[in-house]
PDB file of N, CA and C in Angstrom:
ATOM      1  N   UNK A   1       7.499  -7.879 -14.608  1.00  0.00           N
ATOM      2  CA  UNK A   1       8.227  -7.388 -13.993  1.00  0.00           C
ATOM      3  C   UNK A   1       9.507  -7.490 -12.980  1.00  0.00           C
ATOM      4  N   UNK A   2       9.050  -7.023 -11.678  1.00  0.00           N
ATOM      5  CA  UNK A   2       9.266  -7.707 -10.708  1.00  0.00           C
ATOM      6  C   UNK A   2       9.087  -7.122  -9.899  1.00  0.00           C
ATOM      7  N   UNK A   3       9.037  -7.633  -8.337  1.00  0.00           N
ATOM      8  CA  UNK A   3       8.065  -7.724  -6.814  1.00  0.00           C
ATOM      9  C   UNK A   3       8.290  -6.444  -6.712  1.00  0.00           C
ATOM     10  N   UNK A   4       9.582  -5.808  -6.440  1.00  0.00           N
ATOM     11  CA  UNK A   4       9.526  -4.342  -6.351  1.00  0.00           C
ATOM     12  C   UNK A   4       9.452  -3.347  -6.104  1.00  0.00           C
ATOM     13  N   UNK A   5       9.327  -3.425  -8.092  1.00  0.00           N
ATOM     14  CA  UNK A   5       8.899  -3.257  -8.605  1.00  0.00           C
ATOM     15  C   UNK A   5       7.646  -2.977  -9.079  1.00  0.00           C
ATOM     16  N   UNK A   6       7.082  -3.387  -8.365  1.00  0.00           N
ATOM     17  CA  UNK A   6       5.616  -3.796  -7.878  1.00  0.00           C
ATOM     18  C   UNK A   6       4.709  -2.617  -7.072  1.00  0.00           C
ATOM     19  N   UNK A   7       5.339  -2.841  -6.339  1.00  0.00           N
ATOM     20  CA  UNK A   7       5.605  -2.388  -4.504  1.00  0.00           C
ATOM     21  C   UNK A   7       4.975  -1.033  -4.751  1.00  0.00           C
ATOM     22  N   UNK A   8       6.232  -0.368  -5.512  1.00  0.00           N
ATOM     23  CA  UNK A   8       6.606   1.286  -5.258  1.00  0.00           C
ATOM     24  C   UNK A   8       5.686   1.360  -6.586  1.00  0.00           C
ATOM     25  N   UNK A   9       5.633   0.366  -8.356  1.00  0.00           N
ATOM     26  CA  UNK A   9       3.872   1.701  -8.343  1.00  0.00           C
ATOM     27  C   UNK A   9       2.897   1.661  -7.765  1.00  0.00           C
ATOM     28  N   UNK A  10       2.384   0.400  -6.682  1.00  0.00           N
ATOM     29  CA  UNK A  10       0.899   0.223  -6.057  1.00  0.00           C
ATOM     30  C   UNK A  10       2.085   1.299  -4.829  1.00  0.00           C
ATOM     31  N   UNK A  11       2.839   1.484  -4.181  1.00  0.00           N
ATOM     32  CA  UNK A  11       2.293   2.879  -3.416  1.00  0.00           C
ATOM     33  C   UNK A  11       2.303   3.587  -4.088  1.00  0.00           C
ATOM     34  N   UNK A  12       3.082   3.848  -5.039  1.00  0.00           N
ATOM     35  CA  UNK A  12       2.502   5.778  -6.228  1.00  0.00           C
ATOM     36  C   UNK A  12       1.746   6.015  -6.527  1.00  0.00           C
ATOM     37  N   UNK A  13       0.900   4.869  -6.780  1.00  0.00           N
ATOM     38  CA  UNK A  13      -0.754   5.074  -7.884  1.00  0.00           C
ATOM     39  C   UNK A  13      -1.510   5.162  -5.861  1.00  0.00           C
ATOM     40  N   UNK A  14      -1.280   4.165  -4.878  1.00  0.00           N
ATOM     41  CA  UNK A  14      -2.202   4.802  -3.476  1.00  0.00           C
ATOM     42  C   UNK A  14      -1.778   6.106  -2.876  1.00  0.00           C
ATOM     43  N   UNK A  15      -0.494   6.855  -3.656  1.00  0.00           N
ATOM     44  CA  UNK A  15      -0.486   8.530  -3.229  1.00  0.00           C
ATOM     45  C   UNK A  15      -1.398   8.680  -3.658  1.00  0.00           C
ATOM     46  N   UNK A  16      -1.607   8.661  -4.731  1.00  0.00           N
ATOM     47  CA  UNK A  16      -3.369   9.503  -5.995  1.00  0.00           C
ATOM     48  C   UNK A  16      -4.326   9.034  -5.600  1.00  0.00           C
ATOM     49  N   UNK A  17      -4.446   8.004  -6.112  1.00  0.00           N
ATOM     50  CA  UNK A  17      -5.509   7.317  -4.947  1.00  0.00           C
ATOM     51  C   UNK A  17      -6.523   7.282  -4.165  1.00  0.00           C
ATOM     52  N   UNK A  18      -5.441   7.338  -3.211  1.00  0.00           N
ATOM     53  CA  UNK A  18      -5.818   7.691  -0.780  1.00  0.00           C
ATOM     54  C   UNK A  18      -7.447   8.239  -0.862  1.00  0.00           C
ATOM     55  N   UNK A  19      -7.559   9.170  -1.872  1.00  0.00           N
ATOM     56  CA  UNK A  19      -8.636  10.451  -1.167  1.00  0.00           C
ATOM     57  C   UNK A  19     -10.511   9.440  -1.629  1.00  0.00           C
ATOM     58  N   UNK A  20     -10.080   7.510  -3.062  1.00  0.00           N
ATOM     59  CA  UNK A  20     -10.950   7.481  -2.489  1.00  0.00           C
ATOM     60  C   UNK A  20     -11.453   6.106  -1.579  1.00  0.00           C
ATOM     61  N   UNK A  21     -12.458   6.463  -0.412  1.00  0.00           N
ATOM     62  CA  UNK A  21     -12.144   5.597   0.402  1.00  0.00           C
ATOM     63  C   UNK A  21     -12.289   3.775  -0.111  1.00  0.00           C
ATOM     64  N   UNK A  22     -12.684   3.157  -0.342  1.00  0.00           N
ATOM     65  CA  UNK A  22     -12.202   1.748  -0.604  1.00  0.00           C
ATOM     66  C   UNK A  22     -11.918   1.587  -1.775  1.00  0.00           C
ATOM     67  N   UNK A  23     -12.227   2.339  -2.693  1.00  0.00           N
ATOM     68  CA  UNK A  23     -11.836   1.599  -4.062  1.00  0.00           C
ATOM     69  C   UNK A  23     -10.715   2.102  -4.441  1.00  0.00           C
ATOM     70  N   UNK A  24      -9.812   2.851  -4.045  1.00  0.00           N
ATOM     71  CA  UNK A  24      -8.067   3.170  -3.833  1.00  0.00           C
ATOM     72  C   UNK A  24      -7.085   2.472  -3.677  1.00  0.00           C
ATOM     73  N   UNK A  25      -7.331   2.280  -2.526  1.00  0.00           N
ATOM     74  CA  UNK A  25      -6.852   1.134  -2.271  1.00  0.00           C
ATOM     75  C   UNK A  25      -7.023  -0.482  -2.658  1.00  0.00           C
ATOM     76  N   UNK A  26      -7.652  -0.889  -3.477  1.00  0.00           N
ATOM     77  CA  UNK A  26      -7.928  -1.871  -4.085  1.00  0.00           C
ATOM     78  C   UNK A  26      -7.501  -1.650  -5.545  1.00  0.00           C
ATOM     79  N   UNK A  27      -7.797  -0.739  -6.191  1.00  0.00           N
ATOM     80  CA  UNK A  27      -7.557  -0.230  -7.901  1.00  0.00           C
ATOM     81  C   UNK A  27      -5.565  -0.500  -7.201  1.00  0.00           C
ATOM     82  N   UNK A  28      -4.810   0.798  -6.280  1.00  0.00           N
ATOM     83  CA  UNK A  28      -3.461   0.312  -6.782  1.00  0.00           C
ATOM     84  C   UNK A  28      -3.213  -0.614  -6.068  1.00  0.00           C
ATOM     85  N   UNK A  29      -3.959  -1.488  -5.017  1.00  0.00           N
ATOM     86  CA  UNK A  29      -3.428  -3.459  -5.785  1.00  0.00           C
ATOM     87  C   UNK A  29      -3.350  -3.602  -6.460  1.00  0.00           C
ATOM     88  N   UNK A  30      -4.185  -3.507  -7.459  1.00  0.00           N
ATOM     89  CA  UNK A  30      -4.443  -4.139  -9.043  1.00  0.00           C
ATOM     90  C   UNK A  30      -2.813  -3.401  -9.669  1.00  0.00           C
ATOM     91  N   UNK A  31      -2.838  -2.077  -9.782  1.00  0.00           N
ATOM     92  CA  UNK A  31      -1.489  -1.572 -10.712  1.00  0.00           C
ATOM     93  C   UNK A  31       0.112  -2.234  -9.973  1.00  0.00           C
ATOM     94  N   UNK A  32      -0.039  -2.695  -8.323  1.00  0.00           N
ATOM     95  CA  UNK A  32       0.745  -3.750  -7.866  1.00  0.00           C
ATOM     96  C   UNK A  32       1.223  -5.130  -8.642  1.00  0.00           C
ATOM     97  N   UNK A  33      -0.213  -5.275  -8.479  1.00  0.00           N
ATOM     98  CA  UNK A  33      -0.504  -6.819  -8.553  1.00  0.00           C
ATOM     99  C   UNK A  33      -0.051  -7.360 -10.116  1.00  0.00           C
ATOM    100  N   UNK A  34      -0.332  -6.299 -11.286  1.00  0.00           N
ATOM    101  CA  UNK A  34      -0.355  -6.399 -12.527  1.00  0.00           C
ATOM    102  C   UNK A  34       0.717  -6.011 -12.768  1.00  0.00           C
ATOM    103  N   UNK A  35       1.529  -5.572 -12.406  1.00  0.00           N
ATOM    104  CA  UNK A  35       2.877  -5.320 -12.844  1.00  0.00           C
ATOM    105  C   UNK A  35       4.156  -6.314 -12.521  1.00  0.00           C
ATOM    106  N   UNK A  36       3.932  -6.453 -10.786  1.00  0.00           N
ATOM    107  CA  UNK A  36       4.597  -7.736 -10.050  1.00  0.00           C
ATOM    108  C   UNK A  36       4.669  -9.015 -11.394  1.00  0.00           C
ATOM    109  N   UNK A  37       3.379  -9.014 -11.298  1.00  0.00           N
ATOM    110  CA  UNK A  37       2.809 -10.282 -12.046  1.00  0.00           C
ATOM    111  C   UNK A  37       2.701 -11.947 -11.003  1.00  0.00           C
ATOM    112  N   UNK A  38       2.964 -12.987 -11.829  1.00  0.00           N
ATOM    113  CA  UNK A  38       3.638 -14.698 -11.083  1.00  0.00           C
ATOM    114  C   UNK A  38       2.104 -14.518 -10.540  1.00  0.00           C
ATOM    115  N   UNK A  39       1.521 -14.773 -10.308  1.00  0.00           N
ATOM    116  CA  UNK A  39      -0.328 -14.551  -9.629  1.00  0.00           C
ATOM    117  C   UNK A  39      -0.388 -14.705  -9.140  1.00  0.00           C
ATOM    118  N   UNK A  40      -1.733 -14.767  -8.005  1.00  0.00           N
ATOM    119  CA  UNK A  40      -2.340 -13.641  -7.403  1.00  0.00           C
ATOM    120  C   UNK A  40      -1.826 -14.140  -6.059  1.00  0.00           C
ATOM    121  N   UNK A  41      -1.313 -15.089  -5.541  1.00  0.00           N
ATOM    122  CA  UNK A  41      -0.209 -14.953  -4.999  1.00  0.00           C
ATOM    123  C   UNK A  41       0.652 -13.721  -4.497  1.00  0.00           C
ATOM    124  N   UNK A  42       1.470 -13.986  -6.131  1.00  0.00           N
ATOM    125  CA  UNK A  42       2.309 -13.182  -5.987  1.00  0.00           C
ATOM    126  C   UNK A  42       1.525 -11.144  -5.368  1.00  0.00           C
ATOM    127  N   UNK A  43       1.127 -11.052  -6.385  1.00  0.00           N
ATOM    128  CA  UNK A  43       0.306  -9.944  -7.069  1.00  0.00           C
ATOM    129  C   UNK A  43      -0.643 -10.002  -5.605  1.00  0.00           C
ATOM    130  N   UNK A  44      -1.018 -10.750  -4.253  1.00  0.00           N
ATOM    131  CA  UNK A  44      -1.244 -10.058  -3.381  1.00  0.00           C
ATOM    132  C   UNK A  44      -0.634  -9.757  -2.357  1.00  0.00           C
ATOM    133  N   UNK A  45       0.846 -10.722  -2.286  1.00  0.00           N
ATOM    134  CA  UNK A  45       1.979  -9.959  -1.289  1.00  0.00           C
ATOM    135  C   UNK A  45       2.575  -8.094  -2.295  1.00  0.00           C
ATOM    136  N   UNK A  46       2.842  -8.458  -3.104  1.00  0.00           N
ATOM    137  CA  UNK A  46       2.720  -6.818  -4.116  1.00  0.00           C
ATOM    138  C   UNK A  46       1.771  -5.773  -2.877  1.00  0.00           C
ATOM    139  N   UNK A  47       0.939  -5.692  -3.561  1.00  0.00           N
ATOM    140  CA  UNK A  47      -0.757  -5.190  -2.723  1.00  0.00           C
ATOM    141  C   UNK A  47      -0.515  -5.192  -1.631  1.00  0.00           C
ATOM    142  N   UNK A  48       0.188  -5.863  -0.328  1.00  0.00           N
ATOM    143  CA  UNK A  48      -0.417  -5.971   0.597  1.00  0.00           C
ATOM    144  C   UNK A  48       1.510  -4.944   1.563  1.00  0.00           C
ATOM    145  N   UNK A  49       2.084  -5.708   0.466  1.00  0.00           N
ATOM    146  CA  UNK A  49       3.255  -4.693   0.893  1.00  0.00           C
ATOM    147  C   UNK A  49       3.355  -2.652   1.034  1.00  0.00           C
ATOM    148  N   UNK A  50       3.444  -2.890  -1.181  1.00  0.00           N
ATOM    149  CA  UNK A  50       2.383  -1.560  -1.271  1.00  0.00           C
ATOM    150  C   UNK A  50       1.975  -0.956  -0.167  1.00  0.00           C
ATOM    151  N   UNK A  51       0.659  -1.092   0.556  1.00  0.00           N
ATOM    152  CA  UNK A  51      -0.250  -0.820   1.462  1.00  0.00           C
ATOM    153  C   UNK A  51       0.780  -0.748   2.462  1.00  0.00           C
ATOM    154  N   UNK A  52       0.990  -1.432   2.928  1.00  0.00           N
ATOM    155  CA  UNK A  52       2.273  -1.542   4.553  1.00  0.00           C
ATOM    156  C   UNK A  52       3.079  -0.227   4.301  1.00  0.00           C
ATOM    157  N   UNK A  53       4.090  -0.251   3.017  1.00  0.00           N
ATOM    158  CA  UNK A  53       5.090   0.970   2.857  1.00  0.00           C
ATOM    159  C   UNK A  53       4.496   1.814   3.155  1.00  0.00           C
ATOM    160  N   UNK A  54       3.037   2.102   1.865  1.00  0.00           N
ATOM    161  CA  UNK A  54       2.088   4.014   2.566  1.00  0.00           C
ATOM    162  C   UNK A  54       1.714   4.125   3.830  1.00  0.00           C
ATOM    163  N   UNK A  55       1.486   3.136   4.116  1.00  0.00           N
ATOM    164  CA  UNK A  55       1.008   3.731   5.701  1.00  0.00           C
ATOM    165  C   UNK A  55       2.112   3.820   6.942  1.00  0.00           C
ATOM    166  N   UNK A  56       3.049   3.185   6.569  1.00  0.00           N
ATOM    167  CA  UNK A  56       4.694   3.137   7.703  1.00  0.00           C
ATOM    168  C   UNK A  56       5.024   4.621   6.802  1.00  0.00           C
ATOM    169  N   UNK A  57       5.438   4.935   5.978  1.00  0.00           N
ATOM    170  CA  UNK A  57       5.732   6.884   5.437  1.00  0.00           C
ATOM    171  C   UNK A  57       4.232   7.792   5.435  1.00  0.00           C
ATOM    172  N   UNK A  58       2.893   7.336   5.793  1.00  0.00           N
ATOM    173  CA  UNK A  58       1.928   8.322   6.287  1.00  0.00           C
ATOM    174  C   UNK A  58       2.187   8.438   7.693  1.00  0.00           C
ATOM    175  N   UNK A  59       2.495   7.468   8.830  1.00  0.00           N
ATOM    176  CA  UNK A  59       2.106   7.726  10.141  1.00  0.00           C
ATOM    177  C   UNK A  59       4.641   8.793  10.651  1.00  0.00           C
ATOM    178  N   UNK A  60       5.648   8.317   9.927  1.00  0.00           N
ATOM    179  CA  UNK A  60       6.590   9.187   9.831  1.00  0.00           C
ATOM    180  C   UNK A  60       6.306  10.521   9.518  1.00  0.00           C
ATOM    181  N   UNK A  61       5.795  10.605   8.944  1.00  0.00           N
ATOM    182  CA  UNK A  61       5.421  11.755   8.254  1.00  0.00           C
ATOM    183  C   UNK A  61       4.668  12.511   9.029  1.00  0.00           C
ATOM    184  N   UNK A  62       3.357  12.231   9.231  1.00  0.00           N
ATOM    185  CA  UNK A  62       3.240  12.947  10.346  1.00  0.00           C
ATOM    186  C   UNK A  62       3.442  13.053  11.678  1.00  0.00           C
ATOM    187  N   UNK A  63       3.925  12.034  12.043  1.00  0.00           N
ATOM    188  CA  UNK A  63       4.983  12.495  13.247  1.00  0.00           C
ATOM    189  C   UNK A  63       5.639  13.012  13.525  1.00  0.00           C
ATOM    190  N   UNK A  64       6.775  13.547  12.362  1.00  0.00           N
ATOM    191  CA  UNK A  64       7.285  14.846  12.074  1.00  0.00           C
ATOM    192  C   UNK A  64       6.939  16.150  12.509  1.00  0.00           C
ATOM    193  N   UNK A  65       5.597  16.141  10.914  1.00  0.00           N
ATOM    194  CA  UNK A  65       4.951  17.560  11.354  1.00  0.00           C
ATOM    195  C   UNK A  65       4.622  17.700  12.502  1.00  0.00           C
ATOM    196  N   UNK A  66       4.152  17.271  13.457  1.00  0.00           N
ATOM    197  CA  UNK A  66       3.092  17.423  14.305  1.00  0.00           C
ATOM    198  C   UNK A  66       4.566  17.778  15.285  1.00  0.00           C
ATOM    199  N   UNK A  67       4.920  16.881  15.392  1.00  0.00           N
ATOM    200  CA  UNK A  67       6.947  17.251  16.237  1.00  0.00           C
ATOM    201  C   UNK A  67       7.148  18.666  15.687  1.00  0.00           C
ATOM    202  N   UNK A  68       7.412  18.662  14.775  1.00  0.00           N
ATOM    203  CA  UNK A  68       7.456  20.320  14.475  1.00  0.00           C
ATOM    204  C   UNK A  68       6.599  21.989  15.240  1.00  0.00           C
ATOM    205  N   UNK A  69       5.394  21.136  14.797  1.00  0.00           N
ATOM    206  CA  UNK A  69       4.648  22.079  15.608  1.00  0.00           C
ATOM    207  C   UNK A  69       3.802  21.728  17.168  1.00  0.00           C
ATOM    208  N   UNK A  70       4.267  21.053  16.994  1.00  0.00           N
ATOM    209  CA  UNK A  70       3.992  21.388  19.362  1.00  0.00           C
ATOM    210  C   UNK A  70       4.836  20.067  20.260  1.00  0.00           C
ATOM    211  N   UNK A  71       6.341  20.821  20.089  1.00  0.00           N
ATOM    212  CA  UNK A  71       6.918  19.877  20.133  1.00  0.00           C
ATOM    213  C   UNK A  71       6.815  18.626  21.069  1.00  0.00           C
ATOM    214  N   UNK A  72       7.249  18.410  22.085  1.00  0.00           N
ATOM    215  CA  UNK A  72       6.859  17.134  22.800  1.00  0.00           C
ATOM    216  C   UNK A  72       5.423  17.026  23.058  1.00  0.00           C
ATOM    217  N   UNK A  73       4.477  17.524  23.664  1.00  0.00           N
ATOM    218  CA  UNK A  73       3.214  17.345  23.268  1.00  0.00           C
ATOM    219  C   UNK A  73       2.852  16.778  22.213  1.00  0.00           C
ATOM    220  N   UNK A  74       3.379  17.638  20.829  1.00  0.00           N
ATOM    221  CA  UNK A  74       2.901  17.262  19.710  1.00  0.00           C
ATOM    222  C   UNK A  74       3.488  15.761  18.766  1.00  0.00           C
ATOM    223  N   UNK A  75       5.129  15.783  19.619  1.00  0.00           N
ATOM    224  CA  UNK A  75       4.800  14.231  19.664  1.00  0.00           C
ATOM    225  C   UNK A  75       4.596  13.144  20.171  1.00  0.00           C
ATOM    226  N   UNK A  76       3.593  13.542  21.410  1.00  0.00           N
ATOM    227  CA  UNK A  76       3.633  11.982  22.348  1.00  0.00           C
ATOM    228  C   UNK A  76       2.041  12.417  21.375  1.00  0.00           C
ATOM    229  N   UNK A  77       1.269  12.837  20.845  1.00  0.00           N
ATOM    230  CA  UNK A  77      -0.143  13.108  20.440  1.00  0.00           C
ATOM    231  C   UNK A  77      -0.152  12.371  19.442  1.00  0.00           C
ATOM    232  N   UNK A  78       0.984  11.859  18.895  1.00  0.00           N
ATOM    233  CA  UNK A  78       1.272  12.001  17.394  1.00  0.00           C
ATOM    234  C   UNK A  78       1.411  10.276  17.727  1.00  0.00           C
ATOM    235  N   UNK A  79       2.367  10.645  18.463  1.00  0.00           N
ATOM    236  CA  UNK A  79       2.564   8.925  18.890  1.00  0.00           C
ATOM    237  C   UNK A  79       1.161   7.626  19.055  1.00  0.00           C
ATOM    238  N   UNK A  80       0.975   8.356  20.332  1.00  0.00           N
ATOM    239  CA  UNK A  80      -0.397   7.230  19.935  1.00  0.00           C
ATOM    240  C   UNK A  80      -1.420   7.661  19.247  1.00  0.00           C
ATOM    241  N   UNK A  81      -1.478   9.116  18.862  1.00  0.00           N
ATOM    242  CA  UNK A  81      -2.280   9.272  17.141  1.00  0.00           C
ATOM    243  C   UNK A  81      -2.011   8.153  16.196  1.00  0.00           C
ATOM    244  N   UNK A  82      -0.444   7.870  16.202  1.00  0.00           N
ATOM    245  CA  UNK A  82       0.360   6.972  15.342  1.00  0.00           C
ATOM    246  C   UNK A  82      -0.275   5.667  15.407  1.00  0.00           C
ATOM    247  N   UNK A  83      -0.418   5.097  16.311  1.00  0.00           N
ATOM    248  CA  UNK A  83      -0.964   3.856  16.670  1.00  0.00           C
ATOM    249  C   UNK A  83      -2.380   3.866  16.019  1.00  0.00           C
ATOM    250  N   UNK A  84      -3.557   4.443  16.303  1.00  0.00           N
ATOM    251  CA  UNK A  84      -4.957   4.778  15.706  1.00  0.00           C
ATOM    252  C   UNK A  84      -4.083   4.360  14.427  1.00  0.00           C
ATOM    253  N   UNK A  85      -3.320   4.867  13.739  1.00  0.00           N
ATOM    254  CA  UNK A  85      -4.239   5.549  12.573  1.00  0.00           C
ATOM    255  C   UNK A  85      -3.300   4.291  12.104  1.00  0.00           C
ATOM    256  N   UNK A  86      -2.316   2.857  12.635  1.00  0.00           N
ATOM    257  CA  UNK A  86      -1.361   2.519  11.950  1.00  0.00           C
ATOM    258  C   UNK A  86      -2.913   1.016  11.975  1.00  0.00           C
ATOM    259  N   UNK A  87      -4.112   1.588  12.584  1.00  0.00           N
ATOM    260  CA  UNK A  87      -4.876   0.817  12.663  1.00  0.00           C
ATOM    261  C   UNK A  87      -5.100   0.696  11.495  1.00  0.00           C
ATOM    262  N   UNK A  88      -5.850   1.547  11.637  1.00  0.00           N
ATOM    263  CA  UNK A  88      -6.327   2.493  10.604  1.00  0.00           C
ATOM    264  C   UNK A  88      -6.360   1.707   8.619  1.00  0.00           C
ATOM    265  N   UNK A  89      -4.715   1.950   8.514  1.00  0.00           N
ATOM    266  CA  UNK A  89      -3.197   2.392   7.166  1.00  0.00           C
ATOM    267  C   UNK A  89      -3.351   0.038   7.611  1.00  0.00           C
ATOM    268  N   UNK A  90      -3.906  -0.533   7.855  1.00  0.00           N
ATOM    269  CA  UNK A  90      -3.862  -0.951   7.932  1.00  0.00           C
ATOM    270  C   UNK A  90      -4.970  -1.691   6.873  1.00  0.00           C
ATOM    271  N   UNK A  91      -6.157  -1.483   7.862  1.00  0.00           N
ATOM    272  CA  UNK A  91      -7.114  -1.679   6.164  1.00  0.00           C
ATOM    273  C   UNK A  91      -7.033  -1.385   4.523  1.00  0.00           C
ATOM    274  N   UNK A  92      -6.585  -0.226   4.884  1.00  0.00           N
ATOM    275  CA  UNK A  92      -5.782  -0.046   3.001  1.00  0.00           C
ATOM    276  C   UNK A  92      -5.072  -1.022   2.428  1.00  0.00           C
ATOM    277  N   UNK A  93      -4.328  -1.752   4.133  1.00  0.00           N
ATOM    278  CA  UNK A  93      -2.945  -2.779   3.637  1.00  0.00           C
ATOM    279  C   UNK A  93      -3.684  -3.458   2.684  1.00  0.00           C
ATOM    280  N   UNK A  94      -4.457  -4.451   4.006  1.00  0.00           N
ATOM    281  CA  UNK A  94      -6.015  -5.668   3.886  1.00  0.00           C
ATOM    282  C   UNK A  94      -6.610  -5.621   1.447  1.00  0.00           C
ATOM    283  N   UNK A  95      -6.729  -3.828   2.154  1.00  0.00           N
ATOM    284  CA  UNK A  95      -7.472  -4.136   0.768  1.00  0.00           C
ATOM    285  C   UNK A  95      -6.629  -3.745  -0.097  1.00  0.00           C
ATOM    286  N   UNK A  96      -5.463  -3.436  -0.401  1.00  0.00           N
ATOM    287  CA  UNK A  96      -4.361  -3.724  -1.129  1.00  0.00           C
ATOM    288  C   UNK A  96      -4.092  -4.637  -1.826  1.00  0.00           C
ATOM    289  N   UNK A  97      -3.867  -5.737  -0.693  1.00  0.00           N
ATOM    290  CA  UNK A  97      -3.946  -7.005  -1.008  1.00  0.00           C
ATOM    291  C   UNK A  97      -4.504  -7.448  -1.745  1.00  0.00           C
ATOM    292  N   UNK A  98      -5.964  -7.296  -1.256  1.00  0.00           N
ATOM    293  CA  UNK A  98      -7.665  -8.038  -2.549  1.00  0.00           C
ATOM    294  C   UNK A  98      -6.925  -7.505  -3.613  1.00  0.00           C
ATOM    295  N   UNK A  99      -6.843  -6.612  -4.168  1.00  0.00           N
ATOM    296  CA  UNK A  99      -7.570  -5.793  -5.188  1.00  0.00           C
ATOM    297  C   UNK A  99      -5.960  -6.540  -5.813  1.00  0.00           C
ATOM    298  N   UNK A 100      -4.428  -6.425  -5.106  1.00  0.00           N
ATOM    299  CA  UNK A 100      -3.872  -7.449  -5.344  1.00  0.00           C
ATOM    300  C   UNK A 100      -3.613  -8.486  -6.362  1.00  0.00           C
ATOM    301  N   UNK A 101      -4.019  -9.450  -5.694  1.00  0.00           N
ATOM    302  CA  UNK A 101      -4.815 -10.826  -6.121  1.00  0.00           C
ATOM    303  C   UNK A 101      -5.662 -10.526  -6.615  1.00  0.00           C
ATOM    304  N   UNK A 102      -6.391 -10.157  -6.643  1.00  0.00           N
ATOM    305  CA  UNK A 102      -7.338  -9.568  -8.349  1.00  0.00           C
ATOM    306  C   UNK A 102      -6.481  -8.568  -9.497  1.00  0.00           C
ATOM    307  N   UNK A 103      -4.681  -8.343  -9.409  1.00  0.00           N
ATOM    308  CA  UNK A 103      -4.183  -7.888 -10.315  1.00  0.00           C
ATOM    309  C   UNK A 103      -3.765  -9.440 -11.158  1.00  0.00           C
ATOM    310  N   UNK A 104      -3.066  -9.636  -9.760  1.00  0.00           N
ATOM    311  CA  UNK A 104      -2.612 -11.148 -10.507  1.00  0.00           C
ATOM    312  C   UNK A 104      -2.752 -11.822 -11.288  1.00  0.00           C
ATOM    313  N   UNK A 105      -4.319 -12.217 -10.422  1.00  0.00           N
ATOM    314  CA  UNK A 105      -5.893 -12.898 -11.097  1.00  0.00           C
ATOM    315  C   UNK A 105      -5.363 -13.486 -12.921  1.00  0.00           C
ATOM    316  N   UNK A 106      -5.335 -11.223 -13.680  1.00  0.00           N
ATOM    317  CA  UNK A 106      -5.843 -11.482 -14.434  1.00  0.00           C
ATOM    318  C   UNK A 106      -4.353 -11.295 -15.334  1.00  0.00           C
ATOM    319  N   UNK A 107      -3.723 -10.976 -14.822  1.00  0.00           N
ATOM    320  CA  UNK A 107      -1.615 -11.171 -15.689  1.00  0.00           C
ATOM    321  C   UNK A 107      -1.820 -12.336 -15.732  1.00  0.00           C
ATOM    322  N   UNK A 108      -1.819 -13.195 -14.781  1.00  0.00           N
ATOM    323  CA  UNK A 108      -1.654 -14.953 -14.748  1.00  0.00           C
ATOM    324  C   UNK A 108       0.008 -15.126 -14.110  1.00  0.00           C
ATOM    325  N   UNK A 109       0.368 -16.645 -14.613  1.00  0.00           N
ATOM    326  CA  UNK A 109       2.085 -16.369 -13.633  1.00  0.00           C
ATOM    327  C   UNK A 109       2.528 -16.127 -14.857  1.00  0.00           C
ATOM    328  N   UNK A 110       2.530 -15.664 -16.139  1.00  0.00           N
ATOM    329  CA  UNK A 110       3.629 -15.459 -16.768  1.00  0.00           C
ATOM    330  C   UNK A 110       4.459 -16.060 -16.868  1.00  0.00           C
ATOM    331  N   UNK A 111       4.736 -17.726 -16.807  1.00  0.00           N
ATOM    332  CA  UNK A 111       4.734 -18.419 -17.126  1.00  0.00           C
ATOM    333  C   UNK A 111       5.082 -19.901 -18.546  1.00  0.00           C
ATOM    334  N   UNK A 112       4.476 -18.516 -19.093  1.00  0.00           N
ATOM    335  CA  UNK A 112       3.320 -19.295 -20.558  1.00  0.00           C
ATOM    336  C   UNK A 112       5.340 -19.573 -21.842  1.00  0.00           C
ATOM    337  N   UNK A 113       5.582 -20.566 -22.379  1.00  0.00           N
ATOM    338  CA  UNK A 113       5.794 -20.590 -22.820  1.00  0.00           C
ATOM    339  C   UNK A 113       6.659 -20.337 -23.616  1.00  0.00           C
ATOM    340  N   UNK A 114       6.099 -19.476 -24.524  1.00  0.00           N
ATOM    341  CA  UNK A 114       5.725 -18.103 -26.164  1.00  0.00           C
ATOM    342  C   UNK A 114       5.676 -16.905 -24.913  1.00  0.00           C
ATOM    343  N   UNK A 115       5.900 -16.354 -24.156  1.00  0.00           N
ATOM    344  CA  UNK A 115       6.511 -14.860 -23.890  1.00  0.00           C
ATOM    345  C   UNK A 115       7.653 -15.363 -23.991  1.00  0.00           C
TER     346      UNK A 115
END
């Protein structure tokens, strides 16, 4: 279908499956890889990008709500906590990359003449 659609659907799947520690990001990456198609490399790219989008959105939302609750002190706490959260969320992105590569390999390159 498309890389952007795969990233969006992988992100939505990551929102719903993020409570499962390791399997959730891998499954969300597989969703992104299957929808993006184009082989393992394109699926890995879609899975990684969906993990990055999810991590960035989570950090922005946490900074916003922490700032609302505690003012400047909350902003500073969210900023420094956001750095650690970014590092922890990169593991989700890497697991999404692995799942995306698996999903893309399952679907294949879609350059078959009979499609």
